[in-house]
Amino acid sequence: MSDTPVAGRLRRPGWRDPRLLVGLLLIAISVTAVTGIVRSSDTTVPYYAAKNTLTPGTVLARDDVVVVQARIPAGTYVMPGEQPWGQVLTRVVGDGELVPLAALADQDDFTGRPIAVRTSLPLAAGVQRGSMVDVYLTRTDADEPETTLVASGLVVESVDDESRSFSTGSVETVYVVVPQRDIEEFLDALASKGEISVVGLAGGGA
């Protein structure tokens, strides 16, 4: 008689096998988690975006914005349900750009004012609402003309389209937003004898 052990027959696990049930449960949990991640990544949230270019000093109203959908975490941009109306923008918000919460302030906290500047040189075609410009003064009362920088990085609030359309190359009018602390010096420069030039900054559009 042989002493060699006889291998037992392997049995297929049944539906009541705990190991099989645990494995199926883990698969179900994994599928549910992946599905939830995919769905959350596809979820969009409504935000306010500028209907047109908005400049510093604009008192935000409902007509200034439209509602758009975006996949951006809350807390950075203005969402419907919040009440930003009556607050003032402190920087340029371009056409179609989401309105940042950080760009809004109470009206008492914004002291910039739009000031009309009559230029002696025609404005570049790209200078428009929301553009950033430098303002120069050229004095002609000395032996030789002398040009100095009056203000740098000012935002254009608006351009007088009528003066631009009918300009003969002499004078155009552009409104720039000047900080309160610089207004007196800026006005003194405009009132002095000389020619004022408004020069757009490269890449300084809205």
N, C-alpha and C. Protein backbone atom coordinates (compact mmCIF):
# COMPACT_ATOMS: atom_id res chain seq x y z
N MET A 1 0.85 -1.20 0.00
CA MET A 1 0.00 0.00 0.00
C MET A 1 0.88 1.24 0.00
N SER A 2 0.55 2.21 -0.93
CA SER A 2 1.38 3.42 -1.08
C SER A 2 1.06 4.44 0.00
N ASP A 3 2.15 5.08 0.51
CA ASP A 3 1.96 6.15 1.51
C ASP A 3 1.85 7.53 0.89
N THR A 4 1.83 7.66 -0.46
CA THR A 4 1.76 8.96 -1.14
C THR A 4 0.42 9.63 -0.86
N PRO A 5 0.47 10.95 -0.33
CA PRO A 5 -0.82 11.63 -0.04
C PRO A 5 -1.59 11.95 -1.31
N VAL A 6 -2.86 11.89 -1.21
CA VAL A 6 -3.74 12.18 -2.34
C VAL A 6 -4.23 13.62 -2.24
N ALA A 7 -3.96 14.44 -3.30
CA ALA A 7 -4.38 15.85 -3.28
C ALA A 7 -5.89 15.95 -3.32
N GLY A 8 -6.38 16.86 -2.52
CA GLY A 8 -7.82 17.07 -2.53
C GLY A 8 -8.27 17.84 -3.74
N ARG A 9 -9.47 17.71 -4.16
CA ARG A 9 -10.01 18.41 -5.32
C ARG A 9 -10.32 19.86 -4.94
N LEU A 10 -9.89 20.82 -5.82
CA LEU A 10 -10.19 22.24 -5.59
C LEU A 10 -11.64 22.51 -5.91
N ARG A 11 -12.28 23.26 -5.03
CA ARG A 11 -13.69 23.58 -5.25
C ARG A 11 -13.84 25.04 -5.67
N ARG A 12 -14.68 25.27 -6.65
CA ARG A 12 -14.96 26.66 -7.07
C ARG A 12 -15.70 27.38 -5.94
N PRO A 13 -15.27 28.62 -5.66
CA PRO A 13 -15.93 29.35 -4.56
C PRO A 13 -17.41 29.61 -4.89
N GLY A 14 -18.22 29.46 -3.93
CA GLY A 14 -19.65 29.71 -4.11
C GLY A 14 -20.00 31.15 -3.80
N TRP A 15 -21.24 31.52 -4.09
CA TRP A 15 -21.68 32.90 -3.86
C TRP A 15 -21.67 33.30 -2.39
N ARG A 16 -21.67 32.29 -1.55
CA ARG A 16 -21.69 32.58 -0.11
C ARG A 16 -20.29 32.63 0.48
N ASP A 17 -19.29 32.48 -0.36
CA ASP A 17 -17.91 32.53 0.10
C ASP A 17 -17.58 33.96 0.56
N PRO A 18 -17.18 34.17 1.82
CA PRO A 18 -16.90 35.54 2.32
C PRO A 18 -15.85 36.28 1.50
N ARG A 19 -14.85 35.56 1.02
CA ARG A 19 -13.79 36.22 0.25
C ARG A 19 -14.34 36.78 -1.06
N LEU A 20 -15.24 36.04 -1.70
CA LEU A 20 -15.84 36.51 -2.93
C LEU A 20 -16.72 37.73 -2.68
N LEU A 21 -17.46 37.70 -1.60
CA LEU A 21 -18.33 38.83 -1.28
C LEU A 21 -17.52 40.09 -0.97
N VAL A 22 -16.41 39.92 -0.24
CA VAL A 22 -15.56 41.07 0.07
C VAL A 22 -14.96 41.64 -1.20
N GLY A 23 -14.52 40.77 -2.12
CA GLY A 23 -13.96 41.24 -3.38
C GLY A 23 -14.96 42.02 -4.21
N LEU A 24 -16.19 41.52 -4.29
CA LEU A 24 -17.24 42.23 -5.04
C LEU A 24 -17.55 43.58 -4.40
N LEU A 25 -17.54 43.62 -3.07
CA LEU A 25 -17.80 44.88 -2.37
C LEU A 25 -16.73 45.91 -2.66
N LEU A 26 -15.46 45.48 -2.68
CA LEU A 26 -14.36 46.40 -2.97
C LEU A 26 -14.45 46.94 -4.40
N ILE A 27 -14.82 46.08 -5.34
CA ILE A 27 -14.98 46.53 -6.73
C ILE A 27 -16.09 47.56 -6.83
N ALA A 28 -17.21 47.31 -6.14
CA ALA A 28 -18.34 48.25 -6.19
C ALA A 28 -17.95 49.60 -5.61
N ILE A 29 -17.19 49.58 -4.50
CA ILE A 29 -16.76 50.83 -3.89
C ILE A 29 -15.84 51.60 -4.84
N SER A 30 -14.92 50.91 -5.50
CA SER A 30 -14.00 51.56 -6.43
C SER A 30 -14.74 52.20 -7.60
N VAL A 31 -15.70 51.48 -8.17
CA VAL A 31 -16.47 52.01 -9.29
C VAL A 31 -17.25 53.24 -8.87
N THR A 32 -17.86 53.19 -7.69
CA THR A 32 -18.63 54.33 -7.19
C THR A 32 -17.74 55.55 -6.97
N ALA A 33 -16.54 55.33 -6.42
CA ALA A 33 -15.62 56.44 -6.16
C ALA A 33 -15.16 57.09 -7.46
N VAL A 34 -14.80 56.27 -8.44
CA VAL A 34 -14.36 56.81 -9.73
C VAL A 34 -15.48 57.58 -10.40
N THR A 35 -16.69 57.05 -10.35
CA THR A 35 -17.84 57.73 -10.95
C THR A 35 -18.07 59.08 -10.29
N GLY A 36 -17.93 59.12 -8.96
CA GLY A 36 -18.12 60.39 -8.25
C GLY A 36 -17.08 61.42 -8.62
N ILE A 37 -15.83 60.98 -8.77
CA ILE A 37 -14.75 61.90 -9.15
C ILE A 37 -15.00 62.48 -10.54
N VAL A 38 -15.40 61.62 -11.48
CA VAL A 38 -15.66 62.08 -12.85
C VAL A 38 -16.81 63.07 -12.88
N ARG A 39 -17.87 62.77 -12.13
CA ARG A 39 -19.02 63.67 -12.11
C ARG A 39 -18.67 65.01 -11.49
N SER A 40 -17.88 64.99 -10.41
CA SER A 40 -17.52 66.26 -9.76
C SER A 40 -16.63 67.10 -10.65
N SER A 41 -15.77 66.46 -11.45
CA SER A 41 -14.90 67.22 -12.35
C SER A 41 -15.67 67.85 -13.49
N ASP A 42 -16.84 67.31 -13.80
CA ASP A 42 -17.65 67.84 -14.89
C ASP A 42 -18.66 68.88 -14.41
N THR A 43 -18.69 69.14 -13.10
CA THR A 43 -19.68 70.07 -12.55
C THR A 43 -19.23 71.51 -12.76
N THR A 44 -20.10 72.33 -13.33
CA THR A 44 -19.80 73.75 -13.50
C THR A 44 -20.59 74.57 -12.49
N VAL A 45 -20.08 75.76 -12.20
CA VAL A 45 -20.68 76.66 -11.22
C VAL A 45 -20.94 78.00 -11.88
N PRO A 46 -22.08 78.66 -11.59
CA PRO A 46 -22.36 79.96 -12.20
C PRO A 46 -21.54 81.09 -11.56
N TYR A 47 -21.04 81.98 -12.42
CA TYR A 47 -20.30 83.17 -11.98
C TYR A 47 -20.74 84.37 -12.80
N TYR A 48 -20.42 85.56 -12.28
CA TYR A 48 -20.66 86.79 -13.04
C TYR A 48 -19.42 87.11 -13.87
N ALA A 49 -19.67 87.43 -15.15
CA ALA A 49 -18.59 87.87 -16.05
C ALA A 49 -18.98 89.24 -16.61
N ALA A 50 -17.97 90.05 -16.94
CA ALA A 50 -18.21 91.39 -17.47
C ALA A 50 -18.84 91.30 -18.85
N LYS A 51 -19.93 92.04 -19.05
CA LYS A 51 -20.59 92.07 -20.35
C LYS A 51 -19.76 92.85 -21.35
N ASN A 52 -19.09 93.90 -20.86
CA ASN A 52 -18.15 94.70 -21.66
C ASN A 52 -16.96 95.03 -20.76
N THR A 53 -15.94 95.66 -21.32
CA THR A 53 -14.78 96.03 -20.51
C THR A 53 -15.19 97.02 -19.42
N LEU A 54 -14.82 96.71 -18.18
CA LEU A 54 -15.14 97.57 -17.04
C LEU A 54 -13.84 98.18 -16.52
N THR A 55 -13.87 99.47 -16.24
CA THR A 55 -12.67 100.19 -15.83
C THR A 55 -12.72 100.55 -14.35
N PRO A 56 -11.56 100.87 -13.75
CA PRO A 56 -11.55 101.29 -12.35
C PRO A 56 -12.48 102.49 -12.12
N GLY A 57 -13.22 102.42 -11.04
CA GLY A 57 -14.18 103.48 -10.74
C GLY A 57 -15.60 103.15 -11.18
N THR A 58 -15.77 102.07 -11.95
CA THR A 58 -17.11 101.67 -12.38
C THR A 58 -17.89 101.16 -11.17
N VAL A 59 -19.08 101.74 -10.96
CA VAL A 59 -19.98 101.25 -9.91
C VAL A 59 -20.76 100.07 -10.49
N LEU A 60 -20.49 98.89 -9.98
CA LEU A 60 -21.03 97.67 -10.58
C LEU A 60 -22.56 97.61 -10.47
N ALA A 61 -23.21 97.33 -11.61
CA ALA A 61 -24.66 97.17 -11.66
C ALA A 61 -24.99 95.86 -12.38
N ARG A 62 -26.23 95.42 -12.25
CA ARG A 62 -26.63 94.15 -12.86
C ARG A 62 -26.45 94.16 -14.37
N ASP A 63 -26.64 95.32 -14.98
CA ASP A 63 -26.51 95.40 -16.44
C ASP A 63 -25.06 95.27 -16.92
N ASP A 64 -24.11 95.33 -15.98
CA ASP A 64 -22.69 95.25 -16.37
C ASP A 64 -22.21 93.82 -16.53
N VAL A 65 -23.00 92.83 -16.09
CA VAL A 65 -22.51 91.46 -16.05
C VAL A 65 -23.49 90.49 -16.70
N VAL A 66 -22.98 89.32 -17.01
CA VAL A 66 -23.79 88.19 -17.47
C VAL A 66 -23.38 86.97 -16.64
N VAL A 67 -24.25 85.98 -16.60
CA VAL A 67 -23.95 84.75 -15.86
C VAL A 67 -23.33 83.73 -16.81
N VAL A 68 -22.18 83.17 -16.41
CA VAL A 68 -21.51 82.13 -17.19
C VAL A 68 -21.23 80.94 -16.29
N GLN A 69 -21.00 79.80 -16.90
CA GLN A 69 -20.66 78.58 -16.15
C GLN A 69 -19.16 78.32 -16.25
N ALA A 70 -18.55 77.97 -15.13
CA ALA A 70 -17.10 77.72 -15.12
C ALA A 70 -16.77 76.67 -14.07
N ARG A 71 -15.68 75.91 -14.32
CA ARG A 71 -15.20 74.90 -13.37
C ARG A 71 -14.08 75.52 -12.53
N ILE A 72 -14.47 76.38 -11.60
CA ILE A 72 -13.51 77.08 -10.75
C ILE A 72 -14.00 76.99 -9.30
N PRO A 73 -13.13 76.69 -8.36
CA PRO A 73 -13.55 76.63 -6.95
C PRO A 73 -14.11 77.97 -6.48
N ALA A 74 -15.08 77.91 -5.60
CA ALA A 74 -15.70 79.13 -5.08
C ALA A 74 -14.72 79.90 -4.20
N GLY A 75 -14.99 81.22 -4.07
CA GLY A 75 -14.20 82.04 -3.16
C GLY A 75 -13.27 83.03 -3.83
N THR A 76 -13.17 82.96 -5.17
CA THR A 76 -12.28 83.87 -5.89
C THR A 76 -13.04 84.87 -6.74
N TYR A 77 -14.15 84.45 -7.33
CA TYR A 77 -14.92 85.30 -8.23
C TYR A 77 -16.35 85.45 -7.71
N VAL A 78 -17.03 86.50 -8.20
CA VAL A 78 -18.37 86.82 -7.73
C VAL A 78 -19.38 85.85 -8.33
N MET A 79 -20.23 85.28 -7.46
CA MET A 79 -21.23 84.32 -7.88
C MET A 79 -22.63 84.90 -7.73
N PRO A 80 -23.59 84.46 -8.55
CA PRO A 80 -24.98 84.85 -8.35
C PRO A 80 -25.43 84.49 -6.94
N GLY A 81 -26.22 85.36 -6.37
CA GLY A 81 -26.63 85.18 -4.98
C GLY A 81 -25.87 86.12 -4.06
N GLU A 82 -24.66 86.51 -4.47
CA GLU A 82 -23.93 87.54 -3.73
C GLU A 82 -24.44 88.91 -4.17
N GLN A 83 -24.14 89.93 -3.42
CA GLN A 83 -24.67 91.27 -3.70
C GLN A 83 -23.52 92.26 -3.91
N PRO A 84 -22.91 92.25 -5.11
CA PRO A 84 -21.81 93.18 -5.37
C PRO A 84 -22.27 94.53 -5.88
N TRP A 85 -23.58 94.71 -6.08
CA TRP A 85 -24.10 95.92 -6.72
C TRP A 85 -23.82 97.14 -5.85
N GLY A 86 -23.33 98.19 -6.50
CA GLY A 86 -23.00 99.42 -5.79
C GLY A 86 -21.55 99.49 -5.35
N GLN A 87 -20.83 98.36 -5.43
CA GLN A 87 -19.41 98.40 -5.14
C GLN A 87 -18.64 98.89 -6.37
N VAL A 88 -17.40 99.32 -6.14
CA VAL A 88 -16.61 99.93 -7.19
C VAL A 88 -15.47 99.01 -7.60
N LEU A 89 -15.22 98.94 -8.90
CA LEU A 89 -14.10 98.17 -9.40
C LEU A 89 -12.80 98.96 -9.20
N THR A 90 -11.77 98.26 -8.77
CA THR A 90 -10.49 98.93 -8.53
C THR A 90 -9.47 98.63 -9.62
N ARG A 91 -9.83 97.77 -10.57
CA ARG A 91 -8.94 97.48 -11.69
C ARG A 91 -9.78 97.13 -12.91
N VAL A 92 -9.10 97.00 -14.05
CA VAL A 92 -9.80 96.66 -15.28
C VAL A 92 -10.27 95.21 -15.23
N VAL A 93 -11.53 95.01 -15.64
CA VAL A 93 -12.07 93.66 -15.84
C VAL A 93 -12.47 93.58 -17.31
N GLY A 94 -11.77 92.77 -18.07
CA GLY A 94 -11.97 92.72 -19.51
C GLY A 94 -13.29 92.12 -19.92
N ASP A 95 -13.68 92.37 -21.15
CA ASP A 95 -14.90 91.83 -21.72
C ASP A 95 -14.90 90.31 -21.60
N GLY A 96 -15.91 89.75 -20.92
CA GLY A 96 -16.02 88.31 -20.76
C GLY A 96 -15.24 87.74 -19.59
N GLU A 97 -14.46 88.56 -18.91
CA GLU A 97 -13.66 88.09 -17.77
C GLU A 97 -14.55 87.94 -16.53
N LEU A 98 -14.30 86.90 -15.75
CA LEU A 98 -15.00 86.74 -14.48
C LEU A 98 -14.65 87.89 -13.55
N VAL A 99 -15.63 88.34 -12.77
CA VAL A 99 -15.42 89.49 -11.88
C VAL A 99 -14.77 88.99 -10.58
N PRO A 100 -13.53 89.39 -10.30
CA PRO A 100 -12.85 88.92 -9.08
C PRO A 100 -13.40 89.63 -7.84
N LEU A 101 -13.53 88.88 -6.77
CA LEU A 101 -13.93 89.49 -5.51
C LEU A 101 -12.90 90.53 -5.06
N ALA A 102 -11.63 90.27 -5.33
CA ALA A 102 -10.56 91.17 -4.88
C ALA A 102 -10.56 92.48 -5.64
N ALA A 103 -11.30 92.56 -6.77
CA ALA A 103 -11.32 93.79 -7.57
C ALA A 103 -12.46 94.72 -7.16
N LEU A 104 -13.19 94.38 -6.10
CA LEU A 104 -14.32 95.20 -5.66
C LEU A 104 -14.00 95.88 -4.33
N ALA A 105 -14.48 97.11 -4.20
CA ALA A 105 -14.29 97.87 -2.96
C ALA A 105 -15.49 98.77 -2.73
N ASP A 106 -15.64 99.23 -1.50
CA ASP A 106 -16.69 100.21 -1.21
C ASP A 106 -16.37 101.52 -1.92
N GLN A 107 -17.41 102.27 -2.24
CA GLN A 107 -17.21 103.51 -2.99
C GLN A 107 -16.31 104.48 -2.24
N ASP A 108 -16.38 104.50 -0.92
CA ASP A 108 -15.55 105.43 -0.15
C ASP A 108 -14.07 105.05 -0.18
N ASP A 109 -13.79 103.80 -0.53
CA ASP A 109 -12.41 103.33 -0.53
C ASP A 109 -11.70 103.56 -1.87
N PHE A 110 -12.45 103.95 -2.88
CA PHE A 110 -11.84 104.21 -4.19
C PHE A 110 -11.82 105.70 -4.44
N THR A 111 -10.62 106.25 -4.66
CA THR A 111 -10.49 107.71 -4.77
C THR A 111 -10.05 108.17 -6.16
N GLY A 112 -9.88 107.24 -7.09
CA GLY A 112 -9.48 107.63 -8.44
C GLY A 112 -10.59 108.40 -9.14
N ARG A 113 -10.19 109.29 -10.07
CA ARG A 113 -11.16 110.10 -10.80
C ARG A 113 -10.78 110.14 -12.27
N PRO A 114 -11.78 110.08 -13.18
CA PRO A 114 -11.47 110.23 -14.61
C PRO A 114 -11.22 111.69 -14.95
N ILE A 115 -10.14 111.96 -15.66
CA ILE A 115 -9.78 113.32 -16.04
C ILE A 115 -9.57 113.36 -17.55
N ALA A 116 -10.14 114.40 -18.17
CA ALA A 116 -10.03 114.55 -19.62
C ALA A 116 -8.65 115.07 -20.00
N VAL A 117 -8.05 114.43 -20.99
CA VAL A 117 -6.74 114.86 -21.49
C VAL A 117 -6.88 115.11 -22.99
N ARG A 118 -6.51 116.32 -23.40
CA ARG A 118 -6.54 116.67 -24.83
C ARG A 118 -5.13 116.49 -25.38
N THR A 119 -5.01 115.52 -26.25
CA THR A 119 -3.69 115.16 -26.76
C THR A 119 -3.29 116.01 -27.96
N SER A 120 -2.00 116.29 -28.07
CA SER A 120 -1.50 117.04 -29.22
C SER A 120 -1.15 116.10 -30.37
N LEU A 121 -0.96 114.81 -30.06
CA LEU A 121 -0.70 113.80 -31.08
C LEU A 121 -1.88 112.84 -31.15
N PRO A 122 -2.20 112.34 -32.33
CA PRO A 122 -3.32 111.40 -32.46
C PRO A 122 -3.07 110.15 -31.62
N LEU A 123 -4.13 109.63 -31.04
CA LEU A 123 -4.02 108.39 -30.28
C LEU A 123 -3.77 107.21 -31.21
N ALA A 124 -3.01 106.25 -30.73
CA ALA A 124 -2.82 105.03 -31.50
C ALA A 124 -4.16 104.31 -31.63
N ALA A 125 -4.32 103.57 -32.70
CA ALA A 125 -5.60 102.90 -32.96
C ALA A 125 -5.97 101.92 -31.86
N GLY A 126 -4.98 101.34 -31.19
CA GLY A 126 -5.27 100.34 -30.16
C GLY A 126 -5.64 100.91 -28.81
N VAL A 127 -5.55 102.22 -28.64
CA VAL A 127 -5.89 102.83 -27.36
C VAL A 127 -7.41 102.94 -27.26
N GLN A 128 -7.98 102.27 -26.28
CA GLN A 128 -9.43 102.23 -26.11
C GLN A 128 -9.75 102.07 -24.63
N ARG A 129 -11.04 101.95 -24.33
CA ARG A 129 -11.47 101.76 -22.95
C ARG A 129 -10.77 100.54 -22.35
N GLY A 130 -10.15 100.75 -21.20
CA GLY A 130 -9.44 99.67 -20.53
C GLY A 130 -7.96 99.60 -20.84
N SER A 131 -7.50 100.35 -21.85
CA SER A 131 -6.07 100.34 -22.17
C SER A 131 -5.27 101.05 -21.09
N MET A 132 -4.00 100.73 -21.00
CA MET A 132 -3.10 101.42 -20.09
C MET A 132 -2.19 102.34 -20.89
N VAL A 133 -2.02 103.55 -20.40
CA VAL A 133 -1.27 104.56 -21.14
C VAL A 133 -0.33 105.34 -20.23
N ASP A 134 0.67 105.96 -20.85
CA ASP A 134 1.52 106.95 -20.20
C ASP A 134 1.16 108.32 -20.76
N VAL A 135 1.31 109.35 -19.93
CA VAL A 135 1.03 110.72 -20.36
C VAL A 135 2.33 111.54 -20.28
N TYR A 136 2.66 112.21 -21.37
CA TYR A 136 3.89 112.99 -21.46
C TYR A 136 3.57 114.46 -21.70
N LEU A 137 4.44 115.32 -21.20
CA LEU A 137 4.35 116.76 -21.44
C LEU A 137 5.61 117.22 -22.15
N THR A 138 5.43 117.90 -23.28
CA THR A 138 6.56 118.45 -24.03
C THR A 138 6.50 119.96 -23.95
N ARG A 139 7.47 120.56 -23.29
CA ARG A 139 7.52 122.01 -23.14
C ARG A 139 8.22 122.60 -24.36
N THR A 140 7.59 123.62 -24.91
CA THR A 140 8.14 124.26 -26.11
C THR A 140 8.56 125.70 -25.86
N ASP A 141 8.50 126.12 -24.58
CA ASP A 141 8.84 127.51 -24.28
C ASP A 141 10.33 127.69 -24.02
N ALA A 142 11.10 126.61 -24.02
CA ALA A 142 12.56 126.70 -23.82
C ALA A 142 13.25 126.77 -25.17
N ASP A 143 14.57 126.90 -25.13
CA ASP A 143 15.33 126.95 -26.38
C ASP A 143 15.14 125.66 -27.18
N GLU A 144 15.11 124.53 -26.47
CA GLU A 144 14.87 123.25 -27.11
C GLU A 144 13.73 122.54 -26.40
N PRO A 145 12.87 121.85 -27.16
CA PRO A 145 11.75 121.12 -26.52
C PRO A 145 12.26 120.12 -25.49
N GLU A 146 11.53 120.01 -24.41
CA GLU A 146 11.89 119.07 -23.34
C GLU A 146 10.66 118.25 -22.98
N THR A 147 10.78 116.94 -23.06
CA THR A 147 9.65 116.04 -22.79
C THR A 147 9.86 115.34 -21.45
N THR A 148 8.83 115.36 -20.62
CA THR A 148 8.88 114.70 -19.31
C THR A 148 7.65 113.81 -19.14
N LEU A 149 7.82 112.77 -18.34
CA LEU A 149 6.71 111.86 -18.04
C LEU A 149 5.85 112.45 -16.94
N VAL A 150 4.56 112.61 -17.24
CA VAL A 150 3.62 113.17 -16.26
C VAL A 150 3.04 112.08 -15.38
N ALA A 151 2.60 110.98 -15.99
CA ALA A 151 2.01 109.87 -15.24
C ALA A 151 2.18 108.59 -16.05
N SER A 152 2.32 107.49 -15.34
CA SER A 152 2.58 106.21 -16.00
C SER A 152 1.54 105.17 -15.59
N GLY A 153 1.15 104.33 -16.54
CA GLY A 153 0.26 103.20 -16.24
C GLY A 153 -1.15 103.60 -15.85
N LEU A 154 -1.66 104.69 -16.45
CA LEU A 154 -3.04 105.09 -16.18
C LEU A 154 -4.00 104.27 -17.06
N VAL A 155 -5.19 104.02 -16.53
CA VAL A 155 -6.19 103.26 -17.27
C VAL A 155 -7.12 104.22 -18.00
N VAL A 156 -7.39 103.92 -19.27
CA VAL A 156 -8.30 104.74 -20.07
C VAL A 156 -9.74 104.40 -19.68
N GLU A 157 -10.47 105.41 -19.20
CA GLU A 157 -11.88 105.22 -18.85
C GLU A 157 -12.74 105.26 -20.10
N SER A 158 -12.42 106.17 -21.01
CA SER A 158 -13.15 106.26 -22.28
C SER A 158 -12.38 107.15 -23.24
N VAL A 159 -12.72 107.04 -24.50
CA VAL A 159 -12.14 107.88 -25.54
C VAL A 159 -13.28 108.61 -26.23
N ASP A 160 -13.08 109.91 -26.45
CA ASP A 160 -14.10 110.70 -27.15
C ASP A 160 -14.10 110.28 -28.62
N ASP A 161 -15.04 109.42 -28.98
CA ASP A 161 -15.07 108.90 -30.35
C ASP A 161 -15.30 110.00 -31.38
N GLU A 162 -16.04 111.04 -30.97
CA GLU A 162 -16.31 112.13 -31.92
C GLU A 162 -15.02 112.87 -32.25
N SER A 163 -14.21 113.12 -31.22
CA SER A 163 -12.95 113.84 -31.48
C SER A 163 -12.01 112.97 -32.30
N ARG A 164 -12.08 111.65 -32.10
CA ARG A 164 -11.21 110.75 -32.87
C ARG A 164 -11.68 110.68 -34.32
N SER A 165 -13.00 110.62 -34.53
CA SER A 165 -13.53 110.47 -35.89
C SER A 165 -13.27 111.71 -36.74
N PHE A 166 -13.39 112.88 -36.12
CA PHE A 166 -13.27 114.11 -36.88
C PHE A 166 -11.93 114.81 -36.68
N SER A 167 -10.99 114.11 -36.04
CA SER A 167 -9.69 114.72 -35.80
C SER A 167 -8.93 114.90 -37.10
N THR A 168 -8.25 116.02 -37.19
CA THR A 168 -7.43 116.31 -38.38
C THR A 168 -5.95 116.08 -38.05
N GLY A 169 -5.71 115.33 -36.98
CA GLY A 169 -4.33 115.06 -36.58
C GLY A 169 -3.82 116.06 -35.57
N SER A 170 -4.71 116.88 -34.98
CA SER A 170 -4.25 117.88 -34.03
C SER A 170 -4.62 117.52 -32.59
N VAL A 171 -5.91 117.47 -32.27
CA VAL A 171 -6.32 117.29 -30.87
C VAL A 171 -7.36 116.17 -30.77
N GLU A 172 -7.16 115.27 -29.80
CA GLU A 172 -8.15 114.25 -29.45
C GLU A 172 -8.29 114.26 -27.93
N THR A 173 -9.42 113.74 -27.45
CA THR A 173 -9.69 113.74 -26.02
C THR A 173 -9.81 112.31 -25.51
N VAL A 174 -9.07 112.01 -24.44
CA VAL A 174 -9.13 110.70 -23.79
C VAL A 174 -9.27 110.92 -22.30
N TYR A 175 -10.11 110.11 -21.66
CA TYR A 175 -10.33 110.22 -20.22
C TYR A 175 -9.54 109.11 -19.51
N VAL A 176 -8.68 109.51 -18.60
CA VAL A 176 -7.85 108.56 -17.87
C VAL A 176 -8.18 108.63 -16.38
N VAL A 177 -8.08 107.49 -15.71
CA VAL A 177 -8.36 107.41 -14.27
C VAL A 177 -7.08 107.73 -13.51
N VAL A 178 -7.12 108.81 -12.71
CA VAL A 178 -5.95 109.28 -11.97
C VAL A 178 -6.19 109.08 -10.47
N PRO A 179 -5.24 108.45 -9.75
CA PRO A 179 -5.39 108.32 -8.30
C PRO A 179 -5.50 109.68 -7.62
N GLN A 180 -6.26 109.73 -6.54
CA GLN A 180 -6.51 110.98 -5.83
C GLN A 180 -5.21 111.69 -5.44
N ARG A 181 -4.22 110.92 -4.99
CA ARG A 181 -2.97 111.53 -4.52
C ARG A 181 -2.20 112.23 -5.63
N ASP A 182 -2.49 111.89 -6.89
CA ASP A 182 -1.74 112.46 -8.01
C ASP A 182 -2.53 113.49 -8.81
N ILE A 183 -3.78 113.72 -8.43
CA ILE A 183 -4.65 114.57 -9.25
C ILE A 183 -4.12 116.01 -9.33
N GLU A 184 -3.72 116.59 -8.21
CA GLU A 184 -3.28 117.99 -8.21
C GLU A 184 -2.06 118.18 -9.11
N GLU A 185 -1.08 117.33 -8.96
CA GLU A 185 0.12 117.43 -9.79
C GLU A 185 -0.20 117.18 -11.26
N PHE A 186 -1.11 116.26 -11.51
CA PHE A 186 -1.50 115.93 -12.88
C PHE A 186 -2.18 117.13 -13.54
N LEU A 187 -3.09 117.77 -12.83
CA LEU A 187 -3.79 118.92 -13.38
C LEU A 187 -2.83 120.09 -13.60
N ASP A 188 -1.87 120.26 -12.71
CA ASP A 188 -0.87 121.32 -12.89
C ASP A 188 -0.09 121.10 -14.18
N ALA A 189 0.25 119.85 -14.46
CA ALA A 189 0.98 119.55 -15.69
C ALA A 189 0.13 119.84 -16.92
N LEU A 190 -1.16 119.50 -16.85
CA LEU A 190 -2.04 119.75 -18.00
C LEU A 190 -2.22 121.25 -18.24
N ALA A 191 -2.18 122.04 -17.17
CA ALA A 191 -2.40 123.47 -17.30
C ALA A 191 -1.16 124.24 -17.72
N SER A 192 -0.01 123.59 -17.64
CA SER A 192 1.23 124.28 -18.01
C SER A 192 1.35 124.42 -19.52
N LYS A 193 2.23 125.34 -19.95
CA LYS A 193 2.43 125.54 -21.37
C LYS A 193 3.20 124.36 -21.96
N GLY A 194 2.62 123.73 -22.92
CA GLY A 194 3.27 122.58 -23.54
C GLY A 194 2.25 121.70 -24.24
N GLU A 195 2.74 120.66 -24.84
CA GLU A 195 1.90 119.74 -25.58
C GLU A 195 1.81 118.42 -24.82
N ILE A 196 0.57 117.91 -24.71
CA ILE A 196 0.33 116.66 -24.00
C ILE A 196 0.21 115.52 -25.00
N SER A 197 0.87 114.41 -24.71
CA SER A 197 0.79 113.22 -25.55
C SER A 197 0.38 112.03 -24.70
N VAL A 198 -0.52 111.21 -25.21
CA VAL A 198 -0.96 109.99 -24.54
C VAL A 198 -0.45 108.81 -25.33
N VAL A 199 0.36 108.00 -24.70
CA VAL A 199 1.03 106.90 -25.40
C VAL A 199 0.58 105.56 -24.79
N GLY A 200 0.05 104.68 -25.64
CA GLY A 200 -0.38 103.37 -25.15
C GLY A 200 0.80 102.48 -24.83
N LEU A 201 0.63 101.64 -23.80
CA LEU A 201 1.68 100.70 -23.40
C LEU A 201 1.54 99.42 -24.20
N ALA A 202 2.65 98.86 -24.62
CA ALA A 202 2.64 97.60 -25.36
C ALA A 202 2.05 96.51 -24.49
N GLY A 203 1.05 95.81 -25.02
CA GLY A 203 0.41 94.74 -24.25
C GLY A 203 -0.46 95.25 -23.13
N GLY A 204 -0.80 96.55 -23.15
CA GLY A 204 -1.58 97.14 -22.07
C GLY A 204 -3.04 97.28 -22.39
N GLY A 205 -3.55 96.44 -23.28
CA GLY A 205 -4.97 96.51 -23.60
C GLY A 205 -5.80 95.91 -22.51
N ALA A 206 -7.13 96.04 -22.65
CA ALA A 206 -8.03 95.53 -21.65
C ALA A 206 -7.96 94.02 -21.62
